[in-house]
Amino acid sequence: MTDQAVATSPETAPRAITSVDEARDVIRMLDETITALVEVIEEENRLVRAGRLSEVARLSPTKTGHARRYLAGSLRLRDSLPRLRGALGGELPAVKARHAAFQDRLQSNLTALATAHAVSEGIVRGVAGELTRNESLQTYGASGRTPLPDPRNMKPLAVSRTL
């Protein structure tokens, strides 16, 4: 079950917003959460660019906590919007604009993380290929081609996840 499915299941349905003041409080909380998430994302991007991946992992609990808070507030506001649209009319375009800008930043962060993951995976695969090539015979087989490496002679590649 996805996080959104869990967040919207009947047992954990977000509490409805009952007043305009409460809606403004939720909007204020969302703004604060977006600001906090943007700070974490920028720090994460800075650390990834610097190659300090072990420090990136430390940010995960903070980022997850802010993301859950953002999701819960967004769902509460979304579910209560039909009732409060008239009272919040002038404030909604600004809220939507901040949300869209945040989504763009989040997409940029996800792209950077996916790129870093792909690059590191390519490096590990390249090293593993070189190790296998170095361990295999460098002669020609009966067909005149170099034989494929024998899987029984391949050595596993161990990677330390602590830097």
N, C-alpha and C. Protein backbone atom coordinates (compact mmCIF):
# COMPACT_ATOMS: atom_id res chain seq x y z
N MET A 1 0.85 -1.17 0.00
CA MET A 1 0.00 0.00 0.00
C MET A 1 0.89 1.24 0.00
N THR A 2 0.60 2.22 -0.85
CA THR A 2 1.41 3.42 -0.94
C THR A 2 1.15 4.33 0.24
N ASP A 3 2.09 5.29 0.45
CA ASP A 3 1.92 6.25 1.55
C ASP A 3 0.64 7.05 1.39
N GLN A 4 0.31 7.41 0.14
CA GLN A 4 -0.90 8.20 -0.06
C GLN A 4 -2.13 7.36 0.23
N ALA A 5 -2.10 6.09 -0.15
CA ALA A 5 -3.24 5.21 0.13
C ALA A 5 -3.42 5.05 1.63
N VAL A 6 -2.30 4.93 2.37
CA VAL A 6 -2.37 4.82 3.82
C VAL A 6 -2.91 6.12 4.41
N ALA A 7 -2.41 7.26 3.88
CA ALA A 7 -2.83 8.55 4.42
C ALA A 7 -4.30 8.84 4.16
N THR A 8 -4.88 8.22 3.14
CA THR A 8 -6.28 8.50 2.83
C THR A 8 -7.21 7.36 3.18
N SER A 9 -6.70 6.33 3.83
CA SER A 9 -7.58 5.23 4.21
C SER A 9 -8.54 5.69 5.29
N PRO A 10 -9.70 5.05 5.43
CA PRO A 10 -10.70 5.51 6.39
C PRO A 10 -10.18 5.57 7.83
N GLU A 11 -9.27 4.66 8.19
CA GLU A 11 -8.77 4.65 9.56
C GLU A 11 -7.89 5.86 9.86
N THR A 12 -7.20 6.37 8.84
CA THR A 12 -6.28 7.48 9.06
C THR A 12 -6.65 8.70 8.23
N ALA A 13 -7.91 8.87 7.88
CA ALA A 13 -8.34 9.99 7.07
C ALA A 13 -7.99 11.30 7.78
N PRO A 14 -7.49 12.29 7.01
CA PRO A 14 -7.12 13.55 7.64
C PRO A 14 -8.36 14.24 8.24
N ARG A 15 -8.14 14.88 9.36
CA ARG A 15 -9.21 15.58 10.05
C ARG A 15 -9.62 16.78 9.20
N ALA A 16 -10.91 16.96 9.02
CA ALA A 16 -11.44 18.03 8.18
C ALA A 16 -11.17 19.40 8.82
N ILE A 17 -10.95 20.38 7.97
CA ILE A 17 -10.79 21.75 8.43
C ILE A 17 -12.19 22.32 8.61
N THR A 18 -12.46 22.88 9.77
CA THR A 18 -13.83 23.32 10.08
C THR A 18 -14.03 24.82 10.01
N SER A 19 -12.95 25.61 10.00
CA SER A 19 -13.14 27.06 9.98
C SER A 19 -12.09 27.71 9.07
N VAL A 20 -12.35 28.95 8.73
CA VAL A 20 -11.43 29.70 7.89
C VAL A 20 -10.12 29.93 8.64
N ASP A 21 -10.20 30.20 9.93
CA ASP A 21 -8.98 30.41 10.73
C ASP A 21 -8.13 29.14 10.75
N GLU A 22 -8.78 28.00 10.89
CA GLU A 22 -8.04 26.74 10.88
C GLU A 22 -7.40 26.52 9.51
N ALA A 23 -8.12 26.88 8.45
CA ALA A 23 -7.57 26.75 7.10
C ALA A 23 -6.34 27.64 6.94
N ARG A 24 -6.40 28.84 7.46
CA ARG A 24 -5.24 29.75 7.40
C ARG A 24 -4.06 29.18 8.20
N ASP A 25 -4.37 28.55 9.33
CA ASP A 25 -3.31 27.91 10.13
C ASP A 25 -2.66 26.77 9.34
N VAL A 26 -3.47 25.99 8.64
CA VAL A 26 -2.93 24.89 7.83
C VAL A 26 -2.09 25.46 6.70
N ILE A 27 -2.54 26.52 6.06
CA ILE A 27 -1.78 27.15 4.98
C ILE A 27 -0.46 27.68 5.52
N ARG A 28 -0.47 28.29 6.68
CA ARG A 28 0.75 28.79 7.31
C ARG A 28 1.71 27.62 7.62
N MET A 29 1.15 26.52 8.14
CA MET A 29 1.96 25.34 8.44
C MET A 29 2.56 24.76 7.14
N LEU A 30 1.77 24.74 6.08
CA LEU A 30 2.28 24.25 4.79
C LEU A 30 3.42 25.14 4.28
N ASP A 31 3.27 26.45 4.41
CA ASP A 31 4.33 27.36 4.00
C ASP A 31 5.62 27.11 4.79
N GLU A 32 5.48 26.93 6.11
CA GLU A 32 6.64 26.65 6.95
C GLU A 32 7.28 25.31 6.57
N THR A 33 6.44 24.33 6.29
CA THR A 33 6.94 23.01 5.92
C THR A 33 7.64 23.05 4.57
N ILE A 34 7.08 23.77 3.62
CA ILE A 34 7.72 23.92 2.31
C ILE A 34 9.09 24.58 2.48
N THR A 35 9.16 25.61 3.30
CA THR A 35 10.43 26.30 3.55
C THR A 35 11.45 25.33 4.15
N ALA A 36 11.02 24.55 5.14
CA ALA A 36 11.92 23.58 5.77
C ALA A 36 12.36 22.50 4.78
N LEU A 37 11.43 22.01 3.97
CA LEU A 37 11.77 20.99 2.97
C LEU A 37 12.74 21.54 1.93
N VAL A 38 12.53 22.76 1.50
CA VAL A 38 13.44 23.36 0.51
C VAL A 38 14.85 23.47 1.09
N GLU A 39 14.96 23.84 2.37
CA GLU A 39 16.27 23.92 3.01
C GLU A 39 16.95 22.55 3.03
N VAL A 40 16.19 21.51 3.38
CA VAL A 40 16.75 20.15 3.42
C VAL A 40 17.15 19.71 2.01
N ILE A 41 16.32 19.99 1.03
CA ILE A 41 16.60 19.59 -0.35
C ILE A 41 17.85 20.30 -0.87
N GLU A 42 17.98 21.59 -0.58
CA GLU A 42 19.17 22.33 -1.02
C GLU A 42 20.43 21.78 -0.36
N GLU A 43 20.34 21.46 0.92
CA GLU A 43 21.47 20.86 1.63
C GLU A 43 21.81 19.50 1.02
N GLU A 44 20.80 18.72 0.72
CA GLU A 44 20.99 17.41 0.11
C GLU A 44 21.68 17.55 -1.25
N ASN A 45 21.22 18.49 -2.06
CA ASN A 45 21.84 18.71 -3.37
C ASN A 45 23.30 19.14 -3.23
N ARG A 46 23.57 20.02 -2.26
CA ARG A 46 24.93 20.48 -2.03
C ARG A 46 25.84 19.31 -1.64
N LEU A 47 25.36 18.45 -0.76
CA LEU A 47 26.15 17.30 -0.32
C LEU A 47 26.37 16.29 -1.44
N VAL A 48 25.34 16.07 -2.27
CA VAL A 48 25.48 15.14 -3.40
C VAL A 48 26.52 15.68 -4.38
N ARG A 49 26.47 16.97 -4.67
CA ARG A 49 27.45 17.56 -5.59
C ARG A 49 28.87 17.45 -5.03
N ALA A 50 29.00 17.54 -3.70
CA ALA A 50 30.31 17.44 -3.06
C ALA A 50 30.75 15.98 -2.88
N GLY A 51 29.87 15.03 -3.18
CA GLY A 51 30.20 13.62 -3.06
C GLY A 51 30.18 13.11 -1.63
N ARG A 52 29.51 13.81 -0.74
CA ARG A 52 29.46 13.41 0.67
C ARG A 52 28.15 12.67 0.93
N LEU A 53 28.06 11.47 0.36
CA LEU A 53 26.81 10.71 0.37
C LEU A 53 26.43 10.18 1.75
N SER A 54 27.41 9.92 2.60
CA SER A 54 27.06 9.44 3.94
C SER A 54 26.33 10.53 4.73
N GLU A 55 26.65 11.76 4.47
CA GLU A 55 25.96 12.86 5.14
C GLU A 55 24.56 13.06 4.58
N VAL A 56 24.37 12.73 3.31
CA VAL A 56 23.05 12.82 2.69
C VAL A 56 22.08 11.87 3.41
N ALA A 57 22.56 10.69 3.75
CA ALA A 57 21.71 9.70 4.42
C ALA A 57 21.22 10.22 5.77
N ARG A 58 22.00 11.05 6.44
CA ARG A 58 21.58 11.61 7.73
C ARG A 58 20.38 12.53 7.59
N LEU A 59 20.20 13.12 6.42
CA LEU A 59 19.09 14.05 6.20
C LEU A 59 17.76 13.34 5.98
N SER A 60 17.81 12.06 5.69
CA SER A 60 16.61 11.32 5.32
C SER A 60 15.49 11.39 6.38
N PRO A 61 15.76 11.15 7.67
CA PRO A 61 14.66 11.21 8.64
C PRO A 61 14.01 12.61 8.72
N THR A 62 14.83 13.64 8.63
CA THR A 62 14.29 15.01 8.66
C THR A 62 13.43 15.26 7.43
N LYS A 63 13.93 14.87 6.28
CA LYS A 63 13.20 15.07 5.03
C LYS A 63 11.88 14.28 5.05
N THR A 64 11.93 13.06 5.55
CA THR A 64 10.72 12.22 5.62
C THR A 64 9.69 12.83 6.56
N GLY A 65 10.13 13.33 7.70
CA GLY A 65 9.20 13.96 8.65
C GLY A 65 8.51 15.17 8.06
N HIS A 66 9.29 16.03 7.40
CA HIS A 66 8.70 17.21 6.76
C HIS A 66 7.75 16.81 5.63
N ALA A 67 8.13 15.78 4.87
CA ALA A 67 7.29 15.33 3.75
C ALA A 67 5.96 14.79 4.26
N ARG A 68 5.98 14.05 5.35
CA ARG A 68 4.73 13.53 5.92
C ARG A 68 3.84 14.68 6.41
N ARG A 69 4.45 15.65 7.05
CA ARG A 69 3.70 16.81 7.54
C ARG A 69 3.08 17.57 6.36
N TYR A 70 3.86 17.72 5.30
CA TYR A 70 3.37 18.41 4.10
C TYR A 70 2.21 17.65 3.47
N LEU A 71 2.36 16.33 3.35
CA LEU A 71 1.30 15.52 2.75
C LEU A 71 0.02 15.58 3.57
N ALA A 72 0.15 15.46 4.88
CA ALA A 72 -1.04 15.51 5.75
C ALA A 72 -1.75 16.86 5.64
N GLY A 73 -0.99 17.94 5.67
CA GLY A 73 -1.60 19.27 5.55
C GLY A 73 -2.22 19.50 4.19
N SER A 74 -1.55 19.03 3.14
CA SER A 74 -2.08 19.18 1.79
C SER A 74 -3.39 18.42 1.62
N LEU A 75 -3.44 17.21 2.16
CA LEU A 75 -4.67 16.42 2.07
C LEU A 75 -5.81 17.08 2.85
N ARG A 76 -5.50 17.59 4.02
CA ARG A 76 -6.55 18.28 4.80
C ARG A 76 -7.10 19.47 4.03
N LEU A 77 -6.20 20.27 3.46
CA LEU A 77 -6.63 21.46 2.72
C LEU A 77 -7.40 21.06 1.47
N ARG A 78 -6.90 20.08 0.74
CA ARG A 78 -7.58 19.63 -0.48
C ARG A 78 -8.99 19.13 -0.18
N ASP A 79 -9.14 18.33 0.87
CA ASP A 79 -10.44 17.76 1.19
C ASP A 79 -11.43 18.81 1.70
N SER A 80 -10.93 19.88 2.29
CA SER A 80 -11.80 20.92 2.85
C SER A 80 -12.02 22.08 1.90
N LEU A 81 -11.31 22.10 0.80
CA LEU A 81 -11.37 23.23 -0.13
C LEU A 81 -12.76 23.53 -0.67
N PRO A 82 -13.55 22.54 -1.06
CA PRO A 82 -14.87 22.87 -1.61
C PRO A 82 -15.72 23.71 -0.64
N ARG A 83 -15.65 23.44 0.63
CA ARG A 83 -16.43 24.19 1.62
C ARG A 83 -15.85 25.58 1.89
N LEU A 84 -14.55 25.72 1.77
CA LEU A 84 -13.90 26.96 2.19
C LEU A 84 -13.47 27.84 1.02
N ARG A 85 -13.72 27.40 -0.21
CA ARG A 85 -13.25 28.13 -1.38
C ARG A 85 -13.70 29.60 -1.38
N GLY A 86 -14.95 29.85 -1.04
CA GLY A 86 -15.45 31.23 -1.04
C GLY A 86 -14.75 32.10 -0.02
N ALA A 87 -14.52 31.58 1.16
CA ALA A 87 -13.90 32.36 2.23
C ALA A 87 -12.41 32.58 1.98
N LEU A 88 -11.76 31.65 1.29
CA LEU A 88 -10.32 31.75 1.04
C LEU A 88 -9.99 32.21 -0.37
N GLY A 89 -10.99 32.60 -1.13
CA GLY A 89 -10.83 32.89 -2.56
C GLY A 89 -9.57 33.62 -2.94
N GLY A 90 -9.25 34.75 -2.32
CA GLY A 90 -8.08 35.55 -2.69
C GLY A 90 -6.76 34.91 -2.31
N GLU A 91 -6.76 34.03 -1.34
CA GLU A 91 -5.51 33.42 -0.87
C GLU A 91 -5.12 32.18 -1.68
N LEU A 92 -6.07 31.55 -2.33
CA LEU A 92 -5.81 30.28 -3.00
C LEU A 92 -4.82 30.36 -4.16
N PRO A 93 -4.87 31.40 -5.02
CA PRO A 93 -3.88 31.45 -6.11
C PRO A 93 -2.44 31.50 -5.60
N ALA A 94 -2.20 32.22 -4.51
CA ALA A 94 -0.85 32.29 -3.96
C ALA A 94 -0.42 30.94 -3.39
N VAL A 95 -1.35 30.24 -2.74
CA VAL A 95 -1.04 28.91 -2.20
C VAL A 95 -0.70 27.96 -3.34
N LYS A 96 -1.49 27.99 -4.40
CA LYS A 96 -1.25 27.11 -5.55
C LYS A 96 0.08 27.44 -6.21
N ALA A 97 0.43 28.72 -6.31
CA ALA A 97 1.70 29.12 -6.92
C ALA A 97 2.89 28.61 -6.08
N ARG A 98 2.81 28.73 -4.75
CA ARG A 98 3.88 28.23 -3.89
C ARG A 98 4.00 26.71 -4.02
N HIS A 99 2.86 26.03 -4.09
CA HIS A 99 2.86 24.58 -4.23
C HIS A 99 3.51 24.18 -5.56
N ALA A 100 3.17 24.87 -6.65
CA ALA A 100 3.74 24.56 -7.96
C ALA A 100 5.25 24.80 -7.98
N ALA A 101 5.70 25.90 -7.38
CA ALA A 101 7.13 26.19 -7.31
C ALA A 101 7.86 25.12 -6.51
N PHE A 102 7.24 24.68 -5.43
CA PHE A 102 7.83 23.62 -4.62
C PHE A 102 7.91 22.32 -5.41
N GLN A 103 6.88 21.99 -6.16
CA GLN A 103 6.88 20.77 -6.97
C GLN A 103 8.01 20.81 -8.00
N ASP A 104 8.26 21.97 -8.60
CA ASP A 104 9.35 22.10 -9.56
C ASP A 104 10.69 21.85 -8.89
N ARG A 105 10.88 22.42 -7.70
CA ARG A 105 12.13 22.21 -6.96
C ARG A 105 12.31 20.75 -6.57
N LEU A 106 11.22 20.14 -6.15
CA LEU A 106 11.26 18.74 -5.76
C LEU A 106 11.62 17.86 -6.96
N GLN A 107 11.07 18.15 -8.12
CA GLN A 107 11.39 17.39 -9.32
C GLN A 107 12.86 17.53 -9.68
N SER A 108 13.39 18.73 -9.53
CA SER A 108 14.82 18.96 -9.79
C SER A 108 15.68 18.14 -8.83
N ASN A 109 15.29 18.08 -7.56
CA ASN A 109 16.01 17.29 -6.56
C ASN A 109 15.97 15.81 -6.91
N LEU A 110 14.81 15.32 -7.29
CA LEU A 110 14.68 13.90 -7.64
C LEU A 110 15.52 13.56 -8.87
N THR A 111 15.60 14.46 -9.81
CA THR A 111 16.42 14.26 -11.00
C THR A 111 17.90 14.19 -10.63
N ALA A 112 18.34 15.09 -9.75
CA ALA A 112 19.74 15.08 -9.31
C ALA A 112 20.08 13.79 -8.58
N LEU A 113 19.19 13.33 -7.71
CA LEU A 113 19.43 12.08 -6.97
C LEU A 113 19.45 10.87 -7.91
N ALA A 114 18.54 10.85 -8.88
CA ALA A 114 18.51 9.74 -9.84
C ALA A 114 19.79 9.73 -10.69
N THR A 115 20.29 10.90 -11.05
CA THR A 115 21.53 10.99 -11.82
C THR A 115 22.70 10.47 -11.00
N ALA A 116 22.79 10.89 -9.74
CA ALA A 116 23.87 10.42 -8.87
C ALA A 116 23.80 8.90 -8.70
N HIS A 117 22.61 8.37 -8.57
CA HIS A 117 22.44 6.93 -8.42
C HIS A 117 22.89 6.20 -9.68
N ALA A 118 22.50 6.71 -10.84
CA ALA A 118 22.87 6.07 -12.11
C ALA A 118 24.38 6.12 -12.32
N VAL A 119 25.00 7.24 -12.00
CA VAL A 119 26.45 7.36 -12.17
C VAL A 119 27.18 6.39 -11.25
N SER A 120 26.78 6.33 -9.98
CA SER A 120 27.46 5.43 -9.05
C SER A 120 27.24 3.97 -9.44
N GLU A 121 26.04 3.65 -9.91
CA GLU A 121 25.78 2.28 -10.35
C GLU A 121 26.65 1.93 -11.55
N GLY A 122 26.81 2.87 -12.47
CA GLY A 122 27.66 2.64 -13.64
C GLY A 122 29.11 2.43 -13.24
N ILE A 123 29.58 3.16 -12.25
CA ILE A 123 30.96 2.99 -11.78
C ILE A 123 31.15 1.61 -11.17
N VAL A 124 30.21 1.18 -10.32
CA VAL A 124 30.31 -0.12 -9.68
C VAL A 124 30.26 -1.23 -10.73
N ARG A 125 29.37 -1.11 -11.71
CA ARG A 125 29.30 -2.12 -12.77
C ARG A 125 30.60 -2.16 -13.58
N GLY A 126 31.17 -1.00 -13.85
CA GLY A 126 32.43 -0.94 -14.59
C GLY A 126 33.57 -1.61 -13.83
N VAL A 127 33.64 -1.35 -12.54
CA VAL A 127 34.68 -1.97 -11.71
C VAL A 127 34.48 -3.48 -11.68
N ALA A 128 33.25 -3.92 -11.51
CA ALA A 128 32.98 -5.36 -11.48
C ALA A 128 33.35 -6.00 -12.82
N GLY A 129 33.06 -5.33 -13.92
CA GLY A 129 33.42 -5.85 -15.24
C GLY A 129 34.92 -5.95 -15.42
N GLU A 130 35.65 -4.95 -14.95
CA GLU A 130 37.11 -4.97 -15.04
C GLU A 130 37.69 -6.11 -14.20
N LEU A 131 37.16 -6.30 -13.00
CA LEU A 131 37.64 -7.39 -12.16
C LEU A 131 37.40 -8.73 -12.82
N THR A 132 36.23 -8.90 -13.42
CA THR A 132 35.92 -10.15 -14.11
C THR A 132 36.84 -10.34 -15.30
N ARG A 133 37.07 -9.29 -16.06
CA ARG A 133 37.93 -9.37 -17.24
C ARG A 133 39.36 -9.72 -16.83
N ASN A 134 39.83 -9.14 -15.73
CA ASN A 134 41.19 -9.41 -15.27
C ASN A 134 41.34 -10.84 -14.75
N GLU A 135 40.28 -11.42 -14.26
CA GLU A 135 40.34 -12.78 -13.72
C GLU A 135 40.16 -13.85 -14.79
N SER A 136 39.66 -13.47 -15.96
CA SER A 136 39.42 -14.49 -16.99
C SER A 136 40.68 -14.69 -17.84
N LEU A 137 40.72 -15.81 -18.52
CA LEU A 137 41.86 -16.13 -19.38
C LEU A 137 41.91 -15.17 -20.55
N GLN A 138 43.11 -14.80 -20.93
CA GLN A 138 43.30 -13.88 -22.05
C GLN A 138 43.83 -14.66 -23.27
N THR A 139 43.21 -15.75 -23.59
CA THR A 139 43.62 -16.58 -24.72
C THR A 139 42.45 -16.73 -25.68
N TYR A 140 42.72 -17.39 -26.80
CA TYR A 140 41.67 -17.64 -27.78
C TYR A 140 41.17 -19.06 -27.61
N GLY A 141 39.86 -19.23 -27.81
CA GLY A 141 39.26 -20.55 -27.73
C GLY A 141 39.33 -21.27 -29.06
N ALA A 142 38.72 -22.42 -29.15
CA ALA A 142 38.72 -23.21 -30.37
C ALA A 142 38.05 -22.48 -31.53
N SER A 143 37.12 -21.59 -31.24
CA SER A 143 36.41 -20.87 -32.30
C SER A 143 37.20 -19.67 -32.80
N GLY A 144 38.32 -19.36 -32.16
CA GLY A 144 39.12 -18.20 -32.57
C GLY A 144 38.73 -16.94 -31.82
N ARG A 145 37.84 -17.05 -30.88
CA ARG A 145 37.40 -15.90 -30.07
C ARG A 145 37.84 -16.12 -28.64
N THR A 146 37.87 -15.01 -27.90
CA THR A 146 38.18 -15.16 -26.48
C THR A 146 36.96 -15.76 -25.80
N PRO A 147 37.16 -16.70 -24.90
CA PRO A 147 36.03 -17.35 -24.25
C PRO A 147 35.35 -16.42 -23.25
N LEU A 148 34.06 -16.66 -23.03
CA LEU A 148 33.34 -15.91 -22.00
C LEU A 148 33.88 -16.32 -20.64
N PRO A 149 33.88 -15.40 -19.69
CA PRO A 149 34.36 -15.75 -18.36
C PRO A 149 33.53 -16.87 -17.75
N ASP A 150 34.20 -17.79 -17.11
CA ASP A 150 33.52 -18.90 -16.44
C ASP A 150 32.92 -18.38 -15.13
N PRO A 151 31.59 -18.47 -14.96
CA PRO A 151 30.95 -17.94 -13.75
C PRO A 151 31.52 -18.54 -12.46
N ARG A 152 32.07 -19.74 -12.53
CA ARG A 152 32.62 -20.36 -11.32
C ARG A 152 33.90 -19.68 -10.88
N ASN A 153 34.57 -18.99 -11.80
CA ASN A 153 35.84 -18.34 -11.48
C ASN A 153 35.68 -16.87 -11.14
N MET A 154 34.48 -16.35 -11.27
CA MET A 154 34.26 -14.93 -10.97
C MET A 154 34.31 -14.68 -9.47
N LYS A 155 34.90 -13.57 -9.11
CA LYS A 155 34.98 -13.20 -7.70
C LYS A 155 33.93 -12.13 -7.43
N PRO A 156 33.26 -12.22 -6.31
CA PRO A 156 32.26 -11.20 -6.00
C PRO A 156 32.92 -9.86 -5.68
N LEU A 157 32.18 -8.82 -5.92
CA LEU A 157 32.65 -7.47 -5.63
C LEU A 157 31.99 -7.04 -4.33
N ALA A 158 32.80 -6.66 -3.37
CA ALA A 158 32.26 -6.18 -2.09
C ALA A 158 32.39 -4.66 -2.06
N VAL A 159 31.32 -4.00 -1.66
CA VAL A 159 31.29 -2.55 -1.60
C VAL A 159 31.00 -2.14 -0.17
N SER A 160 31.84 -1.25 0.36
CA SER A 160 31.60 -0.72 1.69
C SER A 160 30.67 0.48 1.57
N ARG A 161 29.57 0.47 2.29
CA ARG A 161 28.61 1.58 2.21
C ARG A 161 28.98 2.73 3.14
N THR A 162 29.99 2.55 3.94
CA THR A 162 30.44 3.66 4.79
C THR A 162 31.62 4.32 4.11
N LEU A 163 31.56 5.62 4.03
CA LEU A 163 32.63 6.35 3.33
C LEU A 163 33.55 7.00 4.33
